[in-house]
Amino acid sequence: MAHTKEIREKRTVKDEDILKDFQVSFFAMSRLASLPWTFVQKDLERNKSTAFISEILKRTCLHPLCQNFPPSVKYRRLFLSELIRRQEAADCDPLDELYDALAEVVGAEETTECYKSYLLPNGEAVSLLENIALISEGTTGLVTWEAALYLAEWALDHKQVFSGRTVLELGSGVGLTGITICRSCSPNRFVFSDCHSRVLQKLGDNVHVNGLTEQGSPAVSIEELDWTTASEEKLKEIGADTVIAADVVYDPEVAGSLVKLLSKILRCSSAEVLICSTVRNPDTYGSFKKQLENAGISHQVMTGPVSHVFPYNRNSAIELIKLFR
């Protein structure tokens, strides 16, 4: 009897893990193939009940977060269609709310933007309006990239680097890393920055949507910061204790401008500087490191595991470095 109860409890824990996996992946619009469909199929075949699918629906398409910050129409349609396919393959009774949810998105208009929401360990969500296309309007800054997710996870594990400090983020993009730090790491002040006008506009919207203001705690501001023209006076005015950047080393010319800016930052302050990169092109990344060396800047690779909070491709070559003069 006790053994049966233990099995039931283990199954309940497993169920909850699967439901959480579905929820986290759905709101971040992870690849549908990466979701734990096999578990759903086995549950349907074993129990001949759609109770588990009903619970998945409550955690995803019927969740209040989806009403306020919905993933793309296409993604929701494909997600619901896959749930229906699994249900029908198991020859279960139809679940009306599943078909009702699909009917809502079948005729809905596709857009070039959608929300992605990244769930924090405390249960809150960082919701960001992002472009569906990876490159649009002449920039890659309108989507969240893997290094930003990794750096956000690292920040959650190293809150002391940000707590009570003024933080400057270079190339903030749509804001995932900075908003996560503001919501979870207790900085005193956070300065988001970018140079592309459309990115700055969307960044401002996302900062506002997530309840961050200049008068709030932390105090936040958004700066237009051109790496080629930013002065030491401007950097001193910001007065950062910690400087971060994610996925900003992707072009040799951009890397050159970044190194010049980093030299100014290290020359006029004692800020802790952290750069996180997805190494897509080893030559470009190697060139960036060489330029750092030529500028008299040393670096230390920050090793060690990070807590798995957000869904993304963990096979990517991501490196976080700390800079020193």
C-alpha atoms as a PDB file:
ATOM      1  CA  MET A   1       0.000   0.000   0.000  1.00  0.00           C
ATOM      2  CA  ALA A   2       2.800   2.393   0.949  1.00  0.00           C
ATOM      3  CA  HIS A   3       4.625   1.398  -2.234  1.00  0.00           C
ATOM      4  CA  THR A   4       1.550   2.246  -4.338  1.00  0.00           C
ATOM      5  CA  LYS A   5       1.274   5.653  -2.651  1.00  0.00           C
ATOM      6  CA  GLU A   6       4.976   6.335  -3.364  1.00  0.00           C
ATOM      7  CA  ILE A   7       4.517   5.498  -7.048  1.00  0.00           C
ATOM      8  CA  ARG A   8       1.473   7.804  -7.212  1.00  0.00           C
ATOM      9  CA  GLU A   9       3.410  10.673  -5.619  1.00  0.00           C
ATOM     10  CA  LYS A  10       6.337  10.177  -7.994  1.00  0.00           C
ATOM     11  CA  ARG A  11       3.956  10.187 -10.918  1.00  0.00           C
ATOM     12  CA  THR A  12       2.402  13.412  -9.657  1.00  0.00           C
ATOM     13  CA  VAL A  13       5.825  15.067  -9.390  1.00  0.00           C
ATOM     14  CA  LYS A  14       6.648  13.853 -12.902  1.00  0.00           C
ATOM     15  CA  ASP A  15       3.329  15.191 -14.202  1.00  0.00           C
ATOM     16  CA  GLU A  16       4.036  18.582 -12.658  1.00  0.00           C
ATOM     17  CA  ASP A  17       7.511  18.677 -14.219  1.00  0.00           C
ATOM     18  CA  ILE A  18       6.035  17.897 -17.638  1.00  0.00           C
ATOM     19  CA  LEU A  19       3.336  20.549 -17.240  1.00  0.00           C
ATOM     20  CA  LYS A  20       5.970  23.108 -16.268  1.00  0.00           C
ATOM     21  CA  ASP A  21       8.069  22.089 -19.258  1.00  0.00           C
ATOM     22  CA  PHE A  22       5.100  22.659 -21.565  1.00  0.00           C
ATOM     23  CA  GLN A  23       4.332  26.036 -20.008  1.00  0.00           C
ATOM     24  CA  VAL A  24       7.905  27.353 -20.072  1.00  0.00           C
ATOM     25  CA  SER A  25       8.451  26.146 -23.652  1.00  0.00           C
ATOM     26  CA  PHE A  26       5.096  27.396 -24.943  1.00  0.00           C
ATOM     27  CA  PHE A  27       5.500  30.961 -23.696  1.00  0.00           C
ATOM     28  CA  ALA A  28       9.097  31.179 -24.952  1.00  0.00           C
ATOM     29  CA  MET A  29       7.921  29.745 -28.300  1.00  0.00           C
ATOM     30  CA  SER A  30      10.446  26.920 -28.209  1.00  0.00           C
ATOM     31  CA  ARG A  31      10.558  24.542 -31.171  1.00  0.00           C
ATOM     32  CA  LEU A  32       7.448  22.387 -30.956  1.00  0.00           C
ATOM     33  CA  ALA A  33       9.484  19.239 -31.637  1.00  0.00           C
ATOM     34  CA  SER A  34      11.390  19.840 -28.388  1.00  0.00           C
ATOM     35  CA  LEU A  35       8.269  19.548 -26.196  1.00  0.00           C
ATOM     36  CA  PRO A  36       7.618  16.287 -24.266  1.00  0.00           C
ATOM     37  CA  TRP A  37       4.909  14.948 -26.585  1.00  0.00           C
ATOM     38  CA  THR A  38       5.811  11.301 -25.947  1.00  0.00           C
ATOM     39  CA  PHE A  39       4.759  11.637 -22.314  1.00  0.00           C
ATOM     40  CA  VAL A  40       1.396  13.076 -23.397  1.00  0.00           C
ATOM     41  CA  GLN A  41       0.856  10.246 -25.880  1.00  0.00           C
ATOM     42  CA  LYS A  42       1.607   7.595 -23.264  1.00  0.00           C
ATOM     43  CA  ASP A  43      -0.683   9.279 -20.719  1.00  0.00           C
ATOM     44  CA  LEU A  44      -3.534   9.373 -23.238  1.00  0.00           C
ATOM     45  CA  GLU A  45      -3.090   5.740 -24.200  1.00  0.00           C
ATOM     46  CA  ARG A  46      -2.770   4.590 -20.590  1.00  0.00           C
ATOM     47  CA  ASN A  47      -5.681   6.535 -19.084  1.00  0.00           C
ATOM     48  CA  LYS A  48      -7.927   7.074 -22.114  1.00  0.00           C
ATOM     49  CA  SER A  49      -8.592  10.507 -20.641  1.00  0.00           C
ATOM     50  CA  THR A  50      -7.943  14.055 -21.832  1.00  0.00           C
ATOM     51  CA  ALA A  51      -7.487  15.341 -18.278  1.00  0.00           C
ATOM     52  CA  PHE A  52      -3.772  15.897 -18.804  1.00  0.00           C
ATOM     53  CA  ILE A  53      -4.345  17.761 -22.076  1.00  0.00           C
ATOM     54  CA  SER A  54      -6.933  19.891 -20.300  1.00  0.00           C
ATOM     55  CA  GLU A  55      -4.306  20.799 -17.704  1.00  0.00           C
ATOM     56  CA  ILE A  56      -1.788  21.636 -20.448  1.00  0.00           C
ATOM     57  CA  LEU A  57      -4.358  23.976 -21.968  1.00  0.00           C
ATOM     58  CA  LYS A  58      -4.876  25.739 -18.630  1.00  0.00           C
ATOM     59  CA  ARG A  59      -1.119  26.290 -18.328  1.00  0.00           C
ATOM     60  CA  THR A  60      -0.729  27.561 -21.925  1.00  0.00           C
ATOM     61  CA  CYS A  61      -3.436  28.839 -24.282  1.00  0.00           C
ATOM     62  CA  LEU A  62      -6.020  29.385 -21.551  1.00  0.00           C
ATOM     63  CA  HIS A  63      -3.578  30.905 -19.063  1.00  0.00           C
ATOM     64  CA  PRO A  64      -4.033  34.644 -18.294  1.00  0.00           C
ATOM     65  CA  LEU A  65      -0.468  35.266 -19.526  1.00  0.00           C
ATOM     66  CA  CYS A  66      -1.535  34.074 -22.985  1.00  0.00           C
ATOM     67  CA  GLN A  67      -4.498  36.421 -22.977  1.00  0.00           C
ATOM     68  CA  ASN A  68      -2.267  39.415 -22.196  1.00  0.00           C
ATOM     69  CA  PHE A  69       0.955  38.462 -24.007  1.00  0.00           C
ATOM     70  CA  PRO A  70       0.112  35.833 -26.634  1.00  0.00           C
ATOM     71  CA  PRO A  71       2.720  33.898 -28.631  1.00  0.00           C
ATOM     72  CA  SER A  72       2.316  34.137 -32.393  1.00  0.00           C
ATOM     73  CA  VAL A  73      -0.914  33.020 -34.053  1.00  0.00           C
ATOM     74  CA  LYS A  74       0.957  30.447 -36.140  1.00  0.00           C
ATOM     75  CA  TYR A  75       2.697  28.982 -33.093  1.00  0.00           C
ATOM     76  CA  ARG A  76      -0.535  28.649 -31.126  1.00  0.00           C
ATOM     77  CA  ARG A  77      -2.281  27.075 -34.109  1.00  0.00           C
ATOM     78  CA  LEU A  78       0.465  24.476 -34.580  1.00  0.00           C
ATOM     79  CA  PHE A  79       0.601  23.794 -30.834  1.00  0.00           C
ATOM     80  CA  LEU A  80      -3.148  23.187 -30.569  1.00  0.00           C
ATOM     81  CA  SER A  81      -3.175  21.106 -33.759  1.00  0.00           C
ATOM     82  CA  GLU A  82      -0.510  18.840 -32.288  1.00  0.00           C
ATOM     83  CA  LEU A  83      -2.516  18.389 -29.082  1.00  0.00           C
ATOM     84  CA  ILE A  84      -5.566  17.457 -31.172  1.00  0.00           C
ATOM     85  CA  ARG A  85      -3.521  15.043 -33.274  1.00  0.00           C
ATOM     86  CA  ARG A  86      -2.262  13.270 -30.149  1.00  0.00           C
ATOM     87  CA  GLN A  87      -5.752  13.128 -28.677  1.00  0.00           C
ATOM     88  CA  GLU A  88      -7.262  11.653 -31.843  1.00  0.00           C
ATOM     89  CA  ALA A  89      -4.421   9.133 -32.239  1.00  0.00           C
ATOM     90  CA  ALA A  90      -5.214   7.788 -28.765  1.00  0.00           C
ATOM     91  CA  ASP A  91      -8.920   7.533 -29.694  1.00  0.00           C
ATOM     92  CA  CYS A  92      -9.996   9.639 -26.704  1.00  0.00           C
ATOM     93  CA  ASP A  93     -13.253  11.521 -26.427  1.00  0.00           C
ATOM     94  CA  PRO A  94     -12.922  15.010 -27.983  1.00  0.00           C
ATOM     95  CA  LEU A  95     -12.077  17.848 -25.608  1.00  0.00           C
ATOM     96  CA  ASP A  96     -14.376  20.740 -26.524  1.00  0.00           C
ATOM     97  CA  GLU A  97     -12.180  23.470 -25.045  1.00  0.00           C
ATOM     98  CA  LEU A  98      -9.306  22.264 -27.230  1.00  0.00           C
ATOM     99  CA  TYR A  99     -11.309  22.740 -30.432  1.00  0.00           C
ATOM    100  CA  ASP A 100     -12.692  26.054 -29.144  1.00  0.00           C
ATOM    101  CA  ALA A 101      -9.148  27.310 -28.567  1.00  0.00           C
ATOM    102  CA  LEU A 102      -8.114  26.249 -32.072  1.00  0.00           C
ATOM    103  CA  ALA A 103     -11.164  27.980 -33.598  1.00  0.00           C
ATOM    104  CA  GLU A 104     -10.010  31.255 -32.044  1.00  0.00           C
ATOM    105  CA  VAL A 105      -6.656  31.207 -33.825  1.00  0.00           C
ATOM    106  CA  VAL A 106      -7.605  29.588 -37.141  1.00  0.00           C
ATOM    107  CA  GLY A 107      -9.085  32.833 -38.443  1.00  0.00           C
ATOM    108  CA  ALA A 108      -6.807  35.214 -36.561  1.00  0.00           C
ATOM    109  CA  GLU A 109      -4.565  37.559 -38.523  1.00  0.00           C
ATOM    110  CA  GLU A 110      -0.830  36.857 -38.631  1.00  0.00           C
ATOM    111  CA  THR A 111       1.455  39.699 -37.537  1.00  0.00           C
ATOM    112  CA  THR A 112       5.169  40.451 -37.799  1.00  0.00           C
ATOM    113  CA  GLU A 113       5.464  40.713 -34.004  1.00  0.00           C
ATOM    114  CA  CYS A 114       4.488  38.521 -31.095  1.00  0.00           C
ATOM    115  CA  TYR A 115       5.127  38.171 -27.403  1.00  0.00           C
ATOM    116  CA  LYS A 116       7.582  35.762 -25.868  1.00  0.00           C
ATOM    117  CA  SER A 117       7.440  35.296 -22.121  1.00  0.00           C
ATOM    118  CA  TYR A 118      10.308  33.922 -20.067  1.00  0.00           C
ATOM    119  CA  LEU A 119       9.298  32.506 -16.694  1.00  0.00           C
ATOM    120  CA  LEU A 120      11.489  33.416 -13.715  1.00  0.00           C
ATOM    121  CA  PRO A 121      12.198  31.064 -10.783  1.00  0.00           C
ATOM    122  CA  ASN A 122       9.833  33.096  -8.557  1.00  0.00           C
ATOM    123  CA  GLY A 123       6.939  32.356 -10.928  1.00  0.00           C
ATOM    124  CA  GLU A 124       6.817  35.828 -12.485  1.00  0.00           C
ATOM    125  CA  ALA A 125       7.318  36.349 -16.205  1.00  0.00           C
ATOM    126  CA  VAL A 126       9.400  38.672 -18.345  1.00  0.00           C
ATOM    127  CA  SER A 127       7.169  39.340 -21.369  1.00  0.00           C
ATOM    128  CA  LEU A 128       8.766  40.838 -24.467  1.00  0.00           C
ATOM    129  CA  LEU A 129       7.349  42.023 -27.763  1.00  0.00           C
ATOM    130  CA  GLU A 130       9.720  40.579 -30.363  1.00  0.00           C
ATOM    131  CA  ASN A 131       9.855  40.372 -34.135  1.00  0.00           C
ATOM    132  CA  ILE A 132       9.062  36.970 -35.603  1.00  0.00           C
ATOM    133  CA  ALA A 133      11.831  37.346 -38.225  1.00  0.00           C
ATOM    134  CA  LEU A 134      15.371  37.008 -36.840  1.00  0.00           C
ATOM    135  CA  ILE A 135      16.589  39.898 -38.987  1.00  0.00           C
ATOM    136  CA  SER A 136      14.248  42.796 -39.747  1.00  0.00           C
ATOM    137  CA  GLU A 137      14.370  46.537 -40.263  1.00  0.00           C
ATOM    138  CA  GLY A 138      18.129  46.312 -40.825  1.00  0.00           C
ATOM    139  CA  THR A 139      18.918  44.906 -37.368  1.00  0.00           C
ATOM    140  CA  THR A 140      19.192  41.679 -35.396  1.00  0.00           C
ATOM    141  CA  GLY A 141      18.245  43.533 -32.205  1.00  0.00           C
ATOM    142  CA  LEU A 142      14.499  42.871 -32.299  1.00  0.00           C
ATOM    143  CA  VAL A 143      14.679  39.298 -31.017  1.00  0.00           C
ATOM    144  CA  THR A 144      16.201  37.588 -27.967  1.00  0.00           C
ATOM    145  CA  TRP A 145      19.416  35.670 -28.667  1.00  0.00           C
ATOM    146  CA  GLU A 146      20.887  32.724 -26.751  1.00  0.00           C
ATOM    147  CA  ALA A 147      23.749  34.603 -25.101  1.00  0.00           C
ATOM    148  CA  ALA A 148      21.222  37.009 -23.563  1.00  0.00           C
ATOM    149  CA  LEU A 149      19.375  34.055 -22.037  1.00  0.00           C
ATOM    150  CA  TYR A 150      22.631  32.541 -20.744  1.00  0.00           C
ATOM    151  CA  LEU A 151      23.768  35.855 -19.234  1.00  0.00           C
ATOM    152  CA  ALA A 152      20.361  36.264 -17.565  1.00  0.00           C
ATOM    153  CA  GLU A 153      20.712  32.792 -16.036  1.00  0.00           C
ATOM    154  CA  TRP A 154      24.250  33.614 -14.874  1.00  0.00           C
ATOM    155  CA  ALA A 155      22.937  36.818 -13.287  1.00  0.00           C
ATOM    156  CA  LEU A 156      20.277  34.870 -11.372  1.00  0.00           C
ATOM    157  CA  ASP A 157      23.089  32.707  -9.967  1.00  0.00           C
ATOM    158  CA  HIS A 158      25.350  35.704  -9.169  1.00  0.00           C
ATOM    159  CA  LYS A 159      22.977  38.372  -7.842  1.00  0.00           C
ATOM    160  CA  GLN A 160      25.776  39.942  -5.770  1.00  0.00           C
ATOM    161  CA  VAL A 161      27.367  41.284  -8.967  1.00  0.00           C
ATOM    162  CA  PHE A 162      24.309  43.508  -9.478  1.00  0.00           C
ATOM    163  CA  SER A 163      22.726  44.045  -6.059  1.00  0.00           C
ATOM    164  CA  GLY A 164      22.808  47.692  -4.948  1.00  0.00           C
ATOM    165  CA  ARG A 165      24.824  48.717  -8.013  1.00  0.00           C
ATOM    166  CA  THR A 166      24.404  50.924 -11.068  1.00  0.00           C
ATOM    167  CA  VAL A 167      24.395  48.625 -14.083  1.00  0.00           C
ATOM    168  CA  LEU A 168      24.967  49.657 -17.715  1.00  0.00           C
ATOM    169  CA  GLU A 169      23.941  47.230 -20.437  1.00  0.00           C
ATOM    170  CA  LEU A 170      25.438  47.694 -23.906  1.00  0.00           C
ATOM    171  CA  GLY A 171      23.296  46.599 -26.859  1.00  0.00           C
ATOM    172  CA  SER A 172      20.227  45.821 -24.754  1.00  0.00           C
ATOM    173  CA  GLY A 173      18.114  44.687 -27.727  1.00  0.00           C
ATOM    174  CA  VAL A 174      14.564  43.828 -26.673  1.00  0.00           C
ATOM    175  CA  GLY A 175      15.602  43.782 -22.998  1.00  0.00           C
ATOM    176  CA  LEU A 176      15.550  40.191 -21.694  1.00  0.00           C
ATOM    177  CA  THR A 177      18.800  40.246 -19.695  1.00  0.00           C
ATOM    178  CA  GLY A 178      18.314  43.703 -18.223  1.00  0.00           C
ATOM    179  CA  ILE A 179      14.682  43.199 -17.255  1.00  0.00           C
ATOM    180  CA  THR A 180      15.550  39.872 -15.609  1.00  0.00           C
ATOM    181  CA  ILE A 181      18.288  41.579 -13.580  1.00  0.00           C
ATOM    182  CA  CYS A 182      15.965  44.439 -12.605  1.00  0.00           C
ATOM    183  CA  ARG A 183      13.233  42.013 -11.507  1.00  0.00           C
ATOM    184  CA  SER A 184      15.461  39.547  -9.665  1.00  0.00           C
ATOM    185  CA  CYS A 185      18.888  40.958  -8.717  1.00  0.00           C
ATOM    186  CA  SER A 186      18.063  44.230  -6.866  1.00  0.00           C
ATOM    187  CA  PRO A 187      20.285  46.736  -8.689  1.00  0.00           C
ATOM    188  CA  ASN A 188      20.067  50.325  -7.462  1.00  0.00           C
ATOM    189  CA  ARG A 189      19.899  51.703 -11.002  1.00  0.00           C
ATOM    190  CA  PHE A 190      19.869  50.090 -14.444  1.00  0.00           C
ATOM    191  CA  VAL A 191      20.755  51.814 -17.715  1.00  0.00           C
ATOM    192  CA  PHE A 192      19.568  50.066 -20.881  1.00  0.00           C
ATOM    193  CA  SER A 193      21.292  51.218 -24.067  1.00  0.00           C
ATOM    194  CA  ASP A 194      21.292  50.671 -27.810  1.00  0.00           C
ATOM    195  CA  CYS A 195      21.842  52.771 -30.933  1.00  0.00           C
ATOM    196  CA  HIS A 196      19.173  51.585 -33.390  1.00  0.00           C
ATOM    197  CA  SER A 197      16.048  53.754 -33.239  1.00  0.00           C
ATOM    198  CA  ARG A 198      13.571  50.910 -33.791  1.00  0.00           C
ATOM    199  CA  VAL A 199      15.305  48.773 -31.157  1.00  0.00           C
ATOM    200  CA  LEU A 200      15.181  51.662 -28.678  1.00  0.00           C
ATOM    201  CA  GLN A 201      11.463  52.100 -29.322  1.00  0.00           C
ATOM    202  CA  LYS A 202      10.678  48.418 -28.758  1.00  0.00           C
ATOM    203  CA  LEU A 203      13.032  48.282 -25.789  1.00  0.00           C
ATOM    204  CA  GLY A 204      11.141  51.178 -24.213  1.00  0.00           C
ATOM    205  CA  ASP A 205       7.828  49.391 -24.754  1.00  0.00           C
ATOM    206  CA  ASN A 206       9.145  46.195 -23.171  1.00  0.00           C
ATOM    207  CA  VAL A 207      10.628  47.993 -20.174  1.00  0.00           C
ATOM    208  CA  HIS A 208       7.263  49.702 -19.624  1.00  0.00           C
ATOM    209  CA  VAL A 209       5.248  46.490 -20.095  1.00  0.00           C
ATOM    210  CA  ASN A 210       7.339  44.853 -17.370  1.00  0.00           C
ATOM    211  CA  GLY A 211       6.548  47.605 -14.889  1.00  0.00           C
ATOM    212  CA  LEU A 212       9.962  49.309 -14.774  1.00  0.00           C
ATOM    213  CA  THR A 213      10.116  53.110 -14.499  1.00  0.00           C
ATOM    214  CA  GLU A 214      12.582  55.922 -13.857  1.00  0.00           C
ATOM    215  CA  GLN A 215      10.944  56.556 -10.488  1.00  0.00           C
ATOM    216  CA  GLY A 216      10.740  52.908  -9.504  1.00  0.00           C
ATOM    217  CA  SER A 217      13.073  50.580  -7.675  1.00  0.00           C
ATOM    218  CA  PRO A 218      15.370  50.009  -9.375  1.00  0.00           C
ATOM    219  CA  ALA A 219      15.411  53.296 -11.247  1.00  0.00           C
ATOM    220  CA  VAL A 220      15.742  52.546 -14.951  1.00  0.00           C
ATOM    221  CA  SER A 221      16.646  54.665 -17.954  1.00  0.00           C
ATOM    222  CA  ILE A 222      17.109  54.014 -21.662  1.00  0.00           C
ATOM    223  CA  GLU A 223      20.038  55.685 -23.400  1.00  0.00           C
ATOM    224  CA  GLU A 224      20.892  56.021 -27.063  1.00  0.00           C
ATOM    225  CA  LEU A 225      24.559  55.043 -26.937  1.00  0.00           C
ATOM    226  CA  ASP A 226      26.617  55.036 -30.129  1.00  0.00           C
ATOM    227  CA  TRP A 227      29.810  53.083 -29.452  1.00  0.00           C
ATOM    228  CA  THR A 228      31.801  55.137 -31.931  1.00  0.00           C
ATOM    229  CA  THR A 229      30.953  58.523 -30.420  1.00  0.00           C
ATOM    230  CA  ALA A 230      30.249  57.866 -26.708  1.00  0.00           C
ATOM    231  CA  SER A 231      32.508  60.160 -24.654  1.00  0.00           C
ATOM    232  CA  GLU A 232      34.269  59.455 -21.390  1.00  0.00           C
ATOM    233  CA  GLU A 233      32.223  62.316 -19.901  1.00  0.00           C
ATOM    234  CA  LYS A 234      29.015  60.491 -20.852  1.00  0.00           C
ATOM    235  CA  LEU A 235      30.302  57.238 -19.370  1.00  0.00           C
ATOM    236  CA  LYS A 236      31.360  58.990 -16.147  1.00  0.00           C
ATOM    237  CA  GLU A 237      27.900  60.564 -15.951  1.00  0.00           C
ATOM    238  CA  ILE A 238      26.306  57.107 -16.111  1.00  0.00           C
ATOM    239  CA  GLY A 239      28.680  55.971 -13.349  1.00  0.00           C
ATOM    240  CA  ALA A 240      28.271  52.225 -13.845  1.00  0.00           C
ATOM    241  CA  ASP A 241      29.593  49.783 -11.253  1.00  0.00           C
ATOM    242  CA  THR A 242      28.805  46.828 -13.529  1.00  0.00           C
ATOM    243  CA  VAL A 243      28.767  46.781 -17.344  1.00  0.00           C
ATOM    244  CA  ILE A 244      27.270  43.884 -19.298  1.00  0.00           C
ATOM    245  CA  ALA A 245      26.644  42.981 -22.921  1.00  0.00           C
ATOM    246  CA  ALA A 246      25.268  39.882 -24.663  1.00  0.00           C
ATOM    247  CA  ASP A 247      25.574  38.794 -28.295  1.00  0.00           C
ATOM    248  CA  VAL A 248      27.328  41.969 -29.420  1.00  0.00           C
ATOM    249  CA  VAL A 249      30.384  40.339 -31.052  1.00  0.00           C
ATOM    250  CA  TYR A 250      29.042  39.263 -34.443  1.00  0.00           C
ATOM    251  CA  ASP A 251      30.794  41.560 -36.926  1.00  0.00           C
ATOM    252  CA  PRO A 252      34.498  42.552 -37.145  1.00  0.00           C
ATOM    253  CA  GLU A 253      33.716  46.258 -37.619  1.00  0.00           C
ATOM    254  CA  VAL A 254      31.252  46.298 -34.733  1.00  0.00           C
ATOM    255  CA  ALA A 255      33.793  44.464 -32.581  1.00  0.00           C
ATOM    256  CA  GLY A 256      36.335  47.212 -33.251  1.00  0.00           C
ATOM    257  CA  SER A 257      33.935  49.920 -32.079  1.00  0.00           C
ATOM    258  CA  LEU A 258      33.054  47.845 -29.024  1.00  0.00           C
ATOM    259  CA  VAL A 259      36.704  47.449 -28.007  1.00  0.00           C
ATOM    260  CA  LYS A 260      37.241  51.215 -28.225  1.00  0.00           C
ATOM    261  CA  LEU A 261      34.199  51.796 -26.012  1.00  0.00           C
ATOM    262  CA  LEU A 262      35.311  49.152 -23.515  1.00  0.00           C
ATOM    263  CA  SER A 263      38.730  50.818 -23.353  1.00  0.00           C
ATOM    264  CA  LYS A 264      37.050  54.103 -22.426  1.00  0.00           C
ATOM    265  CA  ILE A 265      34.907  52.404 -19.780  1.00  0.00           C
ATOM    266  CA  LEU A 266      37.873  50.669 -18.160  1.00  0.00           C
ATOM    267  CA  ARG A 267      39.964  53.832 -18.355  1.00  0.00           C
ATOM    268  CA  CYS A 268      37.460  56.107 -16.650  1.00  0.00           C
ATOM    269  CA  SER A 269      35.922  53.713 -14.089  1.00  0.00           C
ATOM    270  CA  SER A 270      36.529  50.634 -11.976  1.00  0.00           C
ATOM    271  CA  ALA A 271      33.425  48.905 -13.312  1.00  0.00           C
ATOM    272  CA  GLU A 272      33.123  45.131 -13.446  1.00  0.00           C
ATOM    273  CA  VAL A 273      32.742  44.352 -17.177  1.00  0.00           C
ATOM    274  CA  LEU A 274      31.146  41.131 -18.473  1.00  0.00           C
ATOM    275  CA  ILE A 275      30.700  40.204 -22.145  1.00  0.00           C
ATOM    276  CA  CYS A 276      28.685  37.131 -23.155  1.00  0.00           C
ATOM    277  CA  SER A 277      28.904  35.793 -26.702  1.00  0.00           C
ATOM    278  CA  THR A 278      27.555  32.984 -28.809  1.00  0.00           C
ATOM    279  CA  VAL A 279      30.617  31.956 -30.804  1.00  0.00           C
ATOM    280  CA  ARG A 280      29.112  31.510 -34.267  1.00  0.00           C
ATOM    281  CA  ASN A 281      32.263  32.445 -36.178  1.00  0.00           C
ATOM    282  CA  PRO A 282      35.499  31.546 -34.334  1.00  0.00           C
ATOM    283  CA  ASP A 283      37.512  33.913 -36.559  1.00  0.00           C
ATOM    284  CA  THR A 284      35.318  36.910 -35.692  1.00  0.00           C
ATOM    285  CA  TYR A 285      35.376  36.063 -31.990  1.00  0.00           C
ATOM    286  CA  GLY A 286      39.117  35.423 -32.089  1.00  0.00           C
ATOM    287  CA  SER A 287      39.625  38.783 -33.756  1.00  0.00           C
ATOM    288  CA  PHE A 288      37.623  40.469 -30.975  1.00  0.00           C
ATOM    289  CA  LYS A 289      39.834  38.889 -28.321  1.00  0.00           C
ATOM    290  CA  LYS A 290      42.947  39.918 -30.247  1.00  0.00           C
ATOM    291  CA  GLN A 291      41.705  43.505 -30.418  1.00  0.00           C
ATOM    292  CA  LEU A 292      41.104  43.422 -26.652  1.00  0.00           C
ATOM    293  CA  GLU A 293      44.673  42.255 -26.150  1.00  0.00           C
ATOM    294  CA  ASN A 294      46.053  44.964 -28.452  1.00  0.00           C
ATOM    295  CA  ALA A 295      44.115  47.547 -26.447  1.00  0.00           C
ATOM    296  CA  GLY A 296      45.742  46.345 -23.234  1.00  0.00           C
ATOM    297  CA  ILE A 297      42.605  44.599 -21.978  1.00  0.00           C
ATOM    298  CA  SER A 298      42.907  41.168 -20.375  1.00  0.00           C
ATOM    299  CA  HIS A 299      40.055  38.732 -19.971  1.00  0.00           C
ATOM    300  CA  GLN A 300      39.064  35.783 -17.821  1.00  0.00           C
ATOM    301  CA  VAL A 301      36.657  33.120 -19.049  1.00  0.00           C
ATOM    302  CA  MET A 302      33.906  32.622 -16.458  1.00  0.00           C
ATOM    303  CA  THR A 303      33.468  28.868 -16.203  1.00  0.00           C
ATOM    304  CA  GLY A 304      31.088  26.750 -14.189  1.00  0.00           C
ATOM    305  CA  PRO A 305      27.489  25.638 -14.733  1.00  0.00           C
ATOM    306  CA  VAL A 306      24.477  27.936 -14.624  1.00  0.00           C
ATOM    307  CA  SER A 307      20.993  27.052 -13.430  1.00  0.00           C
ATOM    308  CA  HIS A 308      18.711  26.019 -16.284  1.00  0.00           C
ATOM    309  CA  VAL A 309      15.899  28.579 -16.148  1.00  0.00           C
ATOM    310  CA  PHE A 310      15.048  29.448 -19.764  1.00  0.00           C
ATOM    311  CA  PRO A 311      14.596  27.149 -22.752  1.00  0.00           C
ATOM    312  CA  TYR A 312      17.199  27.529 -25.521  1.00  0.00           C
ATOM    313  CA  ASN A 313      19.752  25.474 -27.412  1.00  0.00           C
ATOM    314  CA  ARG A 314      22.358  24.544 -24.826  1.00  0.00           C
ATOM    315  CA  ASN A 315      24.598  22.958 -27.444  1.00  0.00           C
ATOM    316  CA  SER A 316      25.527  26.435 -28.695  1.00  0.00           C
ATOM    317  CA  ALA A 317      29.073  27.589 -27.968  1.00  0.00           C
ATOM    318  CA  ILE A 318      28.476  30.397 -25.464  1.00  0.00           C
ATOM    319  CA  GLU A 319      31.321  32.107 -23.597  1.00  0.00           C
ATOM    320  CA  LEU A 320      31.180  34.658 -20.807  1.00  0.00           C
ATOM    321  CA  ILE A 321      34.314  36.716 -20.165  1.00  0.00           C
ATOM    322  CA  LYS A 322      35.268  39.265 -17.521  1.00  0.00           C
ATOM    323  CA  LEU A 323      37.545  42.115 -18.622  1.00  0.00           C
ATOM    324  CA  PHE A 324      40.495  43.731 -16.824  1.00  0.00           C
ATOM    325  CA  ARG A 325      42.891  46.528 -17.686  1.00  0.00           C
END
